[in-house]
Amino acid sequence: MKKFEDKVVLVTGSTSGIGRETAKHLASLGAKVVVTGRSKERGDVIVDAIKADGGDAYFVAADIMAEADIDNLVKETIEHYGKLDVLVNNAGIAY
């Protein structure tokens, strides 16, 4: 059994950098990963890469600066996977 098997993990800011690699790694440990960021195109690339490696991933477009997007992100995660076990709050903005 993999460490994160049967766990649903939401990784914010997972369309690039540390978030992308975190999402891929958690998927390799058996997690069902929700990839999120502002770019659907970049999100789809990550989801496709995870699936190509045998993982399970789903993309939801969201800007964590928008409260409505956060609400929708959690709602879509639960609608798609039935639950949410882990949140990795990786998204950030540098000014």
C-alpha atoms as a PDB file:
ATOM      1  CA  MET A   1       0.000   0.000   0.000  1.00  0.00           C
ATOM      2  CA  LYS A   2       1.267   3.460  -0.904  1.00  0.00           C
ATOM      3  CA  LYS A   3       1.429   6.124   1.827  1.00  0.00           C
ATOM      4  CA  PHE A   4      -1.305   8.321   0.332  1.00  0.00           C
ATOM      5  CA  GLU A   5      -3.490   5.630  -1.209  1.00  0.00           C
ATOM      6  CA  ASP A   6      -7.192   6.546  -0.924  1.00  0.00           C
ATOM      7  CA  LYS A   7      -6.320  10.115   0.108  1.00  0.00           C
ATOM      8  CA  VAL A   8      -7.501  13.162  -1.815  1.00  0.00           C
ATOM      9  CA  VAL A   9      -4.928  15.941  -1.785  1.00  0.00           C
ATOM     10  CA  LEU A  10      -5.497  19.493  -3.009  1.00  0.00           C
ATOM     11  CA  VAL A  11      -2.290  21.346  -3.917  1.00  0.00           C
ATOM     12  CA  THR A  12      -2.737  25.066  -4.520  1.00  0.00           C
ATOM     13  CA  GLY A  13      -0.366  26.697  -6.963  1.00  0.00           C
ATOM     14  CA  SER A  14       0.363  23.335  -8.544  1.00  0.00           C
ATOM     15  CA  THR A  15       0.717  24.420 -12.162  1.00  0.00           C
ATOM     16  CA  SER A  16       4.398  25.293 -11.774  1.00  0.00           C
ATOM     17  CA  GLY A  17       7.483  25.038  -9.601  1.00  0.00           C
ATOM     18  CA  ILE A  18       7.328  23.505  -6.145  1.00  0.00           C
ATOM     19  CA  GLY A  19       3.557  22.970  -6.349  1.00  0.00           C
ATOM     20  CA  ARG A  20       3.850  21.060  -9.625  1.00  0.00           C
ATOM     21  CA  GLU A  21       6.535  18.765  -8.238  1.00  0.00           C
ATOM     22  CA  THR A  22       4.614  18.298  -4.980  1.00  0.00           C
ATOM     23  CA  ALA A  23       1.500  17.262  -6.908  1.00  0.00           C
ATOM     24  CA  LYS A  24       3.488  14.786  -8.994  1.00  0.00           C
ATOM     25  CA  HIS A  25       5.227  13.322  -5.949  1.00  0.00           C
ATOM     26  CA  LEU A  26       2.008  12.909  -3.959  1.00  0.00           C
ATOM     27  CA  ALA A  27       0.404  11.204  -6.946  1.00  0.00           C
ATOM     28  CA  SER A  28       3.361   8.802  -7.095  1.00  0.00           C
ATOM     29  CA  LEU A  29       2.594   7.954  -3.453  1.00  0.00           C
ATOM     30  CA  GLY A  30      -0.973   7.030  -4.383  1.00  0.00           C
ATOM     31  CA  ALA A  31      -2.834  10.290  -3.739  1.00  0.00           C
ATOM     32  CA  LYS A  32      -5.701  11.473  -5.878  1.00  0.00           C
ATOM     33  CA  VAL A  33      -4.450  14.985  -6.592  1.00  0.00           C
ATOM     34  CA  VAL A  34      -6.421  18.120  -7.319  1.00  0.00           C
ATOM     35  CA  VAL A  35      -4.187  20.405  -9.360  1.00  0.00           C
ATOM     36  CA  THR A  36      -5.115  24.065  -9.225  1.00  0.00           C
ATOM     37  CA  GLY A  37      -3.932  27.382 -10.567  1.00  0.00           C
ATOM     38  CA  ARG A  38      -5.086  30.159 -12.843  1.00  0.00           C
ATOM     39  CA  SER A  39      -3.998  28.548 -16.128  1.00  0.00           C
ATOM     40  CA  LYS A  40      -6.116  25.666 -17.432  1.00  0.00           C
ATOM     41  CA  GLU A  41      -3.538  24.922 -20.117  1.00  0.00           C
ATOM     42  CA  ARG A  42      -0.730  24.520 -17.572  1.00  0.00           C
ATOM     43  CA  GLY A  43      -3.011  22.565 -15.256  1.00  0.00           C
ATOM     44  CA  ASP A  44      -3.983  20.146 -18.003  1.00  0.00           C
ATOM     45  CA  VAL A  45      -0.292  19.501 -18.746  1.00  0.00           C
ATOM     46  CA  ILE A  46       0.319  18.521 -15.101  1.00  0.00           C
ATOM     47  CA  VAL A  47      -2.793  16.340 -14.937  1.00  0.00           C
ATOM     48  CA  ASP A  48      -1.783  14.594 -18.154  1.00  0.00           C
ATOM     49  CA  ALA A  49       1.736  13.978 -16.798  1.00  0.00           C
ATOM     50  CA  ILE A  50       0.376  12.513 -13.567  1.00  0.00           C
ATOM     51  CA  LYS A  51      -2.033  10.270 -15.455  1.00  0.00           C
ATOM     52  CA  ALA A  52       0.727   9.162 -17.857  1.00  0.00           C
ATOM     53  CA  ASP A  53       2.664   7.964 -14.800  1.00  0.00           C
ATOM     54  CA  GLY A  54      -0.353   5.962 -13.592  1.00  0.00           C
ATOM     55  CA  GLY A  55      -1.673   8.526 -11.115  1.00  0.00           C
ATOM     56  CA  ASP A  56      -5.065  10.100 -10.616  1.00  0.00           C
ATOM     57  CA  ALA A  57      -5.437  13.868 -10.974  1.00  0.00           C
ATOM     58  CA  TYR A  58      -8.095  16.461 -11.675  1.00  0.00           C
ATOM     59  CA  PHE A  59      -7.698  20.173 -12.514  1.00  0.00           C
ATOM     60  CA  VAL A  60      -9.780  23.032 -11.150  1.00  0.00           C
ATOM     61  CA  ALA A  61      -8.996  26.581 -12.261  1.00  0.00           C
ATOM     62  CA  ALA A  62      -8.796  28.935  -9.285  1.00  0.00           C
ATOM     63  CA  ASP A  63      -7.214  32.161  -8.143  1.00  0.00           C
ATOM     64  CA  ILE A  64      -6.667  31.890  -4.391  1.00  0.00           C
ATOM     65  CA  MET A  65      -7.054  35.657  -4.089  1.00  0.00           C
ATOM     66  CA  ALA A  66     -10.747  35.268  -5.028  1.00  0.00           C
ATOM     67  CA  GLU A  67     -12.965  33.911  -2.250  1.00  0.00           C
ATOM     68  CA  ALA A  68     -15.539  32.582  -4.735  1.00  0.00           C
ATOM     69  CA  ASP A  69     -12.789  30.590  -6.494  1.00  0.00           C
ATOM     70  CA  ILE A  70     -11.738  29.022  -3.178  1.00  0.00           C
ATOM     71  CA  ASP A  71     -15.320  28.029  -2.400  1.00  0.00           C
ATOM     72  CA  ASN A  72     -15.690  26.533  -5.880  1.00  0.00           C
ATOM     73  CA  LEU A  73     -12.357  24.713  -5.588  1.00  0.00           C
ATOM     74  CA  VAL A  74     -13.429  22.877  -2.441  1.00  0.00           C
ATOM     75  CA  LYS A  75     -16.907  22.226  -3.865  1.00  0.00           C
ATOM     76  CA  GLU A  76     -15.527  20.752  -7.108  1.00  0.00           C
ATOM     77  CA  THR A  77     -12.984  18.643  -5.228  1.00  0.00           C
ATOM     78  CA  ILE A  78     -15.690  17.065  -3.089  1.00  0.00           C
ATOM     79  CA  GLU A  79     -18.035  16.644  -6.065  1.00  0.00           C
ATOM     80  CA  HIS A  80     -15.302  14.902  -8.085  1.00  0.00           C
ATOM     81  CA  TYR A  81     -13.657  12.736  -5.420  1.00  0.00           C
ATOM     82  CA  GLY A  82     -16.250  12.669  -2.637  1.00  0.00           C
ATOM     83  CA  LYS A  83     -13.939  14.084   0.022  1.00  0.00           C
ATOM     84  CA  LEU A  84     -10.859  16.160   0.778  1.00  0.00           C
ATOM     85  CA  ASP A  85      -8.201  14.740   3.105  1.00  0.00           C
ATOM     86  CA  VAL A  86      -5.162  16.987   2.743  1.00  0.00           C
ATOM     87  CA  LEU A  87      -4.548  20.602   1.709  1.00  0.00           C
ATOM     88  CA  VAL A  88      -1.092  21.712   0.606  1.00  0.00           C
ATOM     89  CA  ASN A  89      -1.330  25.495   0.547  1.00  0.00           C
ATOM     90  CA  ASN A  90       1.540  26.234  -1.810  1.00  0.00           C
ATOM     91  CA  ALA A  91       0.174  29.159  -3.831  1.00  0.00           C
ATOM     92  CA  GLY A  92       1.837  32.471  -3.265  1.00  0.00           C
ATOM     93  CA  ILE A  93       2.365  35.819  -4.848  1.00  0.00           C
ATOM     94  CA  ALA A  94       5.605  37.762  -4.876  1.00  0.00           C
ATOM     95  CA  TYR A  95       5.346  41.539  -5.019  1.00  0.00           C
END
